[in-house]
């Protein structure tokens, strides 16, 4: 098998990097790395950021978005101690709905708490991996692999 990385694109602020992975001459997946503006930016800036993803996503092939989203989508699950937080931008919700993107961690572990950022006594899960529904349909295979791995350790 031969893999090639092509069609690399990035935004003018250096917050989005995208590329397409090919196996031989067939597109396997479109991958986007995200570094979202923090919640200290205005809601409009954050919404514009997530709206800009449409020009990086592939409408015909599976997409993966990974990175630091600088927000939590479910404060009760992804922040400790739970805190009042800014609402997840509507543009992000619409993006996930439009491209059928799923939080891979939640697909695998349901409501298990896991945090990617620690600051003093506070913890949150800002870094995430969203996978296309075409990839997540193999979720049952991922769950069985996870169970097999757990029984080996």
C-alpha atoms as a PDB file:
ATOM      1  CA  UNK A   1       0.000   0.000   0.000  1.00  0.00           C
ATOM      2  CA  UNK A   2       1.137   3.485  -0.835  1.00  0.00           C
ATOM      3  CA  UNK A   3      -0.216   6.535   1.009  1.00  0.00           C
ATOM      4  CA  UNK A   4       0.093  10.108  -0.210  1.00  0.00           C
ATOM      5  CA  UNK A   5      -0.735  13.413   1.449  1.00  0.00           C
ATOM      6  CA  UNK A   6      -2.102  15.985  -1.033  1.00  0.00           C
ATOM      7  CA  UNK A   7      -4.236  19.084  -1.307  1.00  0.00           C
ATOM      8  CA  UNK A   8      -2.818  20.768   1.768  1.00  0.00           C
ATOM      9  CA  UNK A   9      -4.637  23.999   2.593  1.00  0.00           C
ATOM     10  CA  UNK A  10      -4.568  26.402   5.488  1.00  0.00           C
ATOM     11  CA  UNK A  11      -6.381  29.531   6.610  1.00  0.00           C
ATOM     12  CA  UNK A  12      -4.825  32.989   6.771  1.00  0.00           C
ATOM     13  CA  UNK A  13      -4.586  32.922  10.593  1.00  0.00           C
ATOM     14  CA  UNK A  14      -2.797  29.584  10.900  1.00  0.00           C
ATOM     15  CA  UNK A  15      -5.700  28.097  12.886  1.00  0.00           C
ATOM     16  CA  UNK A  16      -6.808  25.519  10.300  1.00  0.00           C
ATOM     17  CA  UNK A  17      -4.634  23.064   8.371  1.00  0.00           C
ATOM     18  CA  UNK A  18      -6.222  20.542   6.010  1.00  0.00           C
ATOM     19  CA  UNK A  19      -4.935  17.723   3.813  1.00  0.00           C
ATOM     20  CA  UNK A  20      -6.302  14.766   1.902  1.00  0.00           C
ATOM     21  CA  UNK A  21      -4.864  11.287   2.410  1.00  0.00           C
ATOM     22  CA  UNK A  22      -4.826   9.023  -0.631  1.00  0.00           C
ATOM     23  CA  UNK A  23      -4.146   5.303  -0.845  1.00  0.00           C
ATOM     24  CA  UNK A  24      -2.697   4.778  -4.296  1.00  0.00           C
ATOM     25  CA  UNK A  25      -5.026   7.106  -6.273  1.00  0.00           C
ATOM     26  CA  UNK A  26      -8.134   6.745  -4.115  1.00  0.00           C
ATOM     27  CA  UNK A  27      -9.075   9.331  -1.512  1.00  0.00           C
ATOM     28  CA  UNK A  28      -9.229   7.746   1.924  1.00  0.00           C
ATOM     29  CA  UNK A  29     -10.019  10.692   4.168  1.00  0.00           C
ATOM     30  CA  UNK A  30      -9.858  14.461   4.446  1.00  0.00           C
ATOM     31  CA  UNK A  31      -8.094  15.545   7.669  1.00  0.00           C
ATOM     32  CA  UNK A  32      -8.345  18.961   9.305  1.00  0.00           C
ATOM     33  CA  UNK A  33      -6.375  20.199  12.284  1.00  0.00           C
ATOM     34  CA  UNK A  34      -8.095  22.946  14.291  1.00  0.00           C
ATOM     35  CA  UNK A  35      -6.903  25.516  16.791  1.00  0.00           C
ATOM     36  CA  UNK A  36     -10.035  27.463  17.663  1.00  0.00           C
ATOM     37  CA  UNK A  37     -10.043  30.971  19.122  1.00  0.00           C
ATOM     38  CA  UNK A  38     -10.504  30.990  22.879  1.00  0.00           C
ATOM     39  CA  UNK A  39     -13.768  31.980  24.511  1.00  0.00           C
ATOM     40  CA  UNK A  40     -12.267  35.423  25.216  1.00  0.00           C
ATOM     41  CA  UNK A  41     -12.895  36.220  21.522  1.00  0.00           C
ATOM     42  CA  UNK A  42     -16.333  37.477  20.529  1.00  0.00           C
ATOM     43  CA  UNK A  43     -19.096  35.046  19.585  1.00  0.00           C
ATOM     44  CA  UNK A  44     -18.961  36.443  16.057  1.00  0.00           C
ATOM     45  CA  UNK A  45     -15.233  35.652  15.702  1.00  0.00           C
ATOM     46  CA  UNK A  46     -15.811  32.098  16.940  1.00  0.00           C
ATOM     47  CA  UNK A  47     -18.828  31.588  14.669  1.00  0.00           C
ATOM     48  CA  UNK A  48     -16.876  32.941  11.674  1.00  0.00           C
ATOM     49  CA  UNK A  49     -14.046  30.528  12.516  1.00  0.00           C
ATOM     50  CA  UNK A  50     -16.295  27.461  12.491  1.00  0.00           C
ATOM     51  CA  UNK A  51     -18.138  28.686   9.395  1.00  0.00           C
ATOM     52  CA  UNK A  52     -14.782  28.861   7.577  1.00  0.00           C
ATOM     53  CA  UNK A  53     -14.435  25.054   7.869  1.00  0.00           C
ATOM     54  CA  UNK A  54     -16.843  24.500   4.976  1.00  0.00           C
ATOM     55  CA  UNK A  55     -14.152  25.393   2.436  1.00  0.00           C
ATOM     56  CA  UNK A  56     -11.792  22.783   3.973  1.00  0.00           C
ATOM     57  CA  UNK A  57     -14.200  19.856   4.316  1.00  0.00           C
ATOM     58  CA  UNK A  58     -14.879  17.376   1.527  1.00  0.00           C
ATOM     59  CA  UNK A  59     -18.570  16.860   0.754  1.00  0.00           C
ATOM     60  CA  UNK A  60     -17.943  13.523  -0.982  1.00  0.00           C
ATOM     61  CA  UNK A  61     -15.349  11.816   1.243  1.00  0.00           C
ATOM     62  CA  UNK A  62     -15.027  11.066   4.963  1.00  0.00           C
ATOM     63  CA  UNK A  63     -13.717  13.910   7.128  1.00  0.00           C
ATOM     64  CA  UNK A  64     -11.791  13.978  10.380  1.00  0.00           C
ATOM     65  CA  UNK A  65     -11.373  17.151  12.428  1.00  0.00           C
ATOM     66  CA  UNK A  66      -8.901  17.074  15.303  1.00  0.00           C
ATOM     67  CA  UNK A  67      -7.415  19.694  17.533  1.00  0.00           C
ATOM     68  CA  UNK A  68      -7.902  22.211  20.289  1.00  0.00           C
ATOM     69  CA  UNK A  69     -11.468  23.503  20.112  1.00  0.00           C
ATOM     70  CA  UNK A  70     -11.043  25.811  23.133  1.00  0.00           C
ATOM     71  CA  UNK A  71     -14.550  24.974  24.312  1.00  0.00           C
ATOM     72  CA  UNK A  72     -16.544  22.168  25.805  1.00  0.00           C
ATOM     73  CA  UNK A  73     -19.763  20.942  24.233  1.00  0.00           C
ATOM     74  CA  UNK A  74     -21.089  19.387  27.444  1.00  0.00           C
ATOM     75  CA  UNK A  75     -19.852  21.234  30.572  1.00  0.00           C
ATOM     76  CA  UNK A  76     -21.297  18.603  32.926  1.00  0.00           C
ATOM     77  CA  UNK A  77     -19.178  15.909  31.304  1.00  0.00           C
ATOM     78  CA  UNK A  78     -16.115  17.734  29.989  1.00  0.00           C
ATOM     79  CA  UNK A  79     -15.324  20.194  32.762  1.00  0.00           C
ATOM     80  CA  UNK A  80     -14.424  19.644  36.393  1.00  0.00           C
ATOM     81  CA  UNK A  81     -15.637  21.153  38.545  1.00  0.00           C
ATOM     82  CA  UNK A  82     -18.641  21.813  36.283  1.00  0.00           C
ATOM     83  CA  UNK A  83     -18.805  25.524  35.605  1.00  0.00           C
ATOM     84  CA  UNK A  84     -20.963  27.983  33.816  1.00  0.00           C
ATOM     85  CA  UNK A  85     -19.397  28.338  30.413  1.00  0.00           C
ATOM     86  CA  UNK A  86     -20.146  30.108  27.170  1.00  0.00           C
ATOM     87  CA  UNK A  87     -22.553  28.250  24.943  1.00  0.00           C
ATOM     88  CA  UNK A  88     -20.996  26.064  22.259  1.00  0.00           C
ATOM     89  CA  UNK A  89     -21.138  28.171  19.057  1.00  0.00           C
ATOM     90  CA  UNK A  90     -24.175  27.451  16.901  1.00  0.00           C
ATOM     91  CA  UNK A  91     -21.911  27.362  13.842  1.00  0.00           C
ATOM     92  CA  UNK A  92     -19.994  24.429  15.373  1.00  0.00           C
ATOM     93  CA  UNK A  93     -23.202  22.503  16.088  1.00  0.00           C
ATOM     94  CA  UNK A  94     -24.378  23.110  12.514  1.00  0.00           C
ATOM     95  CA  UNK A  95     -21.003  22.032  11.102  1.00  0.00           C
ATOM     96  CA  UNK A  96     -21.138  18.729  12.998  1.00  0.00           C
ATOM     97  CA  UNK A  97     -24.744  18.171  11.950  1.00  0.00           C
ATOM     98  CA  UNK A  98     -24.134  19.045   8.274  1.00  0.00           C
ATOM     99  CA  UNK A  99     -21.150  16.693   7.936  1.00  0.00           C
ATOM    100  CA  UNK A 100     -22.392  14.056  10.410  1.00  0.00           C
ATOM    101  CA  UNK A 101     -19.312  14.495  12.585  1.00  0.00           C
ATOM    102  CA  UNK A 102     -19.187  12.638  15.889  1.00  0.00           C
ATOM    103  CA  UNK A 103     -16.938  13.077  18.907  1.00  0.00           C
ATOM    104  CA  UNK A 104     -14.892   9.866  18.685  1.00  0.00           C
ATOM    105  CA  UNK A 105     -14.214   9.751  22.419  1.00  0.00           C
ATOM    106  CA  UNK A 106     -17.919   9.842  23.261  1.00  0.00           C
ATOM    107  CA  UNK A 107     -18.587   7.136  20.665  1.00  0.00           C
ATOM    108  CA  UNK A 108     -16.067   4.864  22.329  1.00  0.00           C
ATOM    109  CA  UNK A 109     -16.476   5.688  25.999  1.00  0.00           C
ATOM    110  CA  UNK A 110     -19.991   7.197  26.328  1.00  0.00           C
ATOM    111  CA  UNK A 111     -20.032   9.220  29.548  1.00  0.00           C
ATOM    112  CA  UNK A 112     -16.604   8.360  30.946  1.00  0.00           C
ATOM    113  CA  UNK A 113     -14.822  11.507  32.109  1.00  0.00           C
ATOM    114  CA  UNK A 114     -11.498  12.296  30.466  1.00  0.00           C
ATOM    115  CA  UNK A 115      -9.649  15.588  30.434  1.00  0.00           C
ATOM    116  CA  UNK A 116      -7.018  16.987  28.070  1.00  0.00           C
ATOM    117  CA  UNK A 117      -6.284  20.171  30.011  1.00  0.00           C
ATOM    118  CA  UNK A 118      -5.456  20.658  33.661  1.00  0.00           C
ATOM    119  CA  UNK A 119      -5.005  24.006  35.359  1.00  0.00           C
ATOM    120  CA  UNK A 120      -4.724  23.827  39.128  1.00  0.00           C
ATOM    121  CA  UNK A 121      -7.793  22.015  40.404  1.00  0.00           C
ATOM    122  CA  UNK A 122      -9.726  22.624  37.163  1.00  0.00           C
ATOM    123  CA  UNK A 123      -9.879  20.129  34.309  1.00  0.00           C
ATOM    124  CA  UNK A 124     -11.510  20.177  30.887  1.00  0.00           C
ATOM    125  CA  UNK A 125     -11.585  18.300  27.588  1.00  0.00           C
ATOM    126  CA  UNK A 126     -10.798  20.934  24.963  1.00  0.00           C
ATOM    127  CA  UNK A 127      -8.878  18.658  22.586  1.00  0.00           C
ATOM    128  CA  UNK A 128     -11.079  16.360  20.566  1.00  0.00           C
ATOM    129  CA  UNK A 129     -11.277  14.232  17.455  1.00  0.00           C
ATOM    130  CA  UNK A 130     -14.448  14.379  15.355  1.00  0.00           C
ATOM    131  CA  UNK A 131     -14.980  11.623  12.831  1.00  0.00           C
ATOM    132  CA  UNK A 132     -17.341  11.336   9.904  1.00  0.00           C
ATOM    133  CA  UNK A 133     -20.354   9.054  10.306  1.00  0.00           C
ATOM    134  CA  UNK A 134     -18.908   6.895   7.511  1.00  0.00           C
ATOM    135  CA  UNK A 135     -15.969   6.127   9.785  1.00  0.00           C
ATOM    136  CA  UNK A 136     -18.000   5.925  12.995  1.00  0.00           C
ATOM    137  CA  UNK A 137     -20.176   3.158  11.534  1.00  0.00           C
ATOM    138  CA  UNK A 138     -17.223   0.914  12.266  1.00  0.00           C
ATOM    139  CA  UNK A 139     -17.675   1.894  15.929  1.00  0.00           C
ATOM    140  CA  UNK A 140     -18.760  -1.626  16.906  1.00  0.00           C
ATOM    141  CA  UNK A 141     -15.397  -2.883  15.620  1.00  0.00           C
ATOM    142  CA  UNK A 142     -13.602  -0.212  17.653  1.00  0.00           C
ATOM    143  CA  UNK A 143     -15.508  -1.189  20.807  1.00  0.00           C
ATOM    144  CA  UNK A 144     -14.617  -4.854  20.371  1.00  0.00           C
ATOM    145  CA  UNK A 145     -10.938  -3.933  19.796  1.00  0.00           C
ATOM    146  CA  UNK A 146     -11.033  -1.833  22.970  1.00  0.00           C
ATOM    147  CA  UNK A 147     -12.502  -4.758  24.959  1.00  0.00           C
ATOM    148  CA  UNK A 148      -9.838  -7.106  23.559  1.00  0.00           C
ATOM    149  CA  UNK A 149      -7.100  -4.662  24.505  1.00  0.00           C
ATOM    150  CA  UNK A 150      -8.518  -4.246  28.021  1.00  0.00           C
ATOM    151  CA  UNK A 151      -8.554  -8.007  28.595  1.00  0.00           C
ATOM    152  CA  UNK A 152      -4.887  -8.266  27.564  1.00  0.00           C
ATOM    153  CA  UNK A 153      -3.682  -5.665  30.077  1.00  0.00           C
END
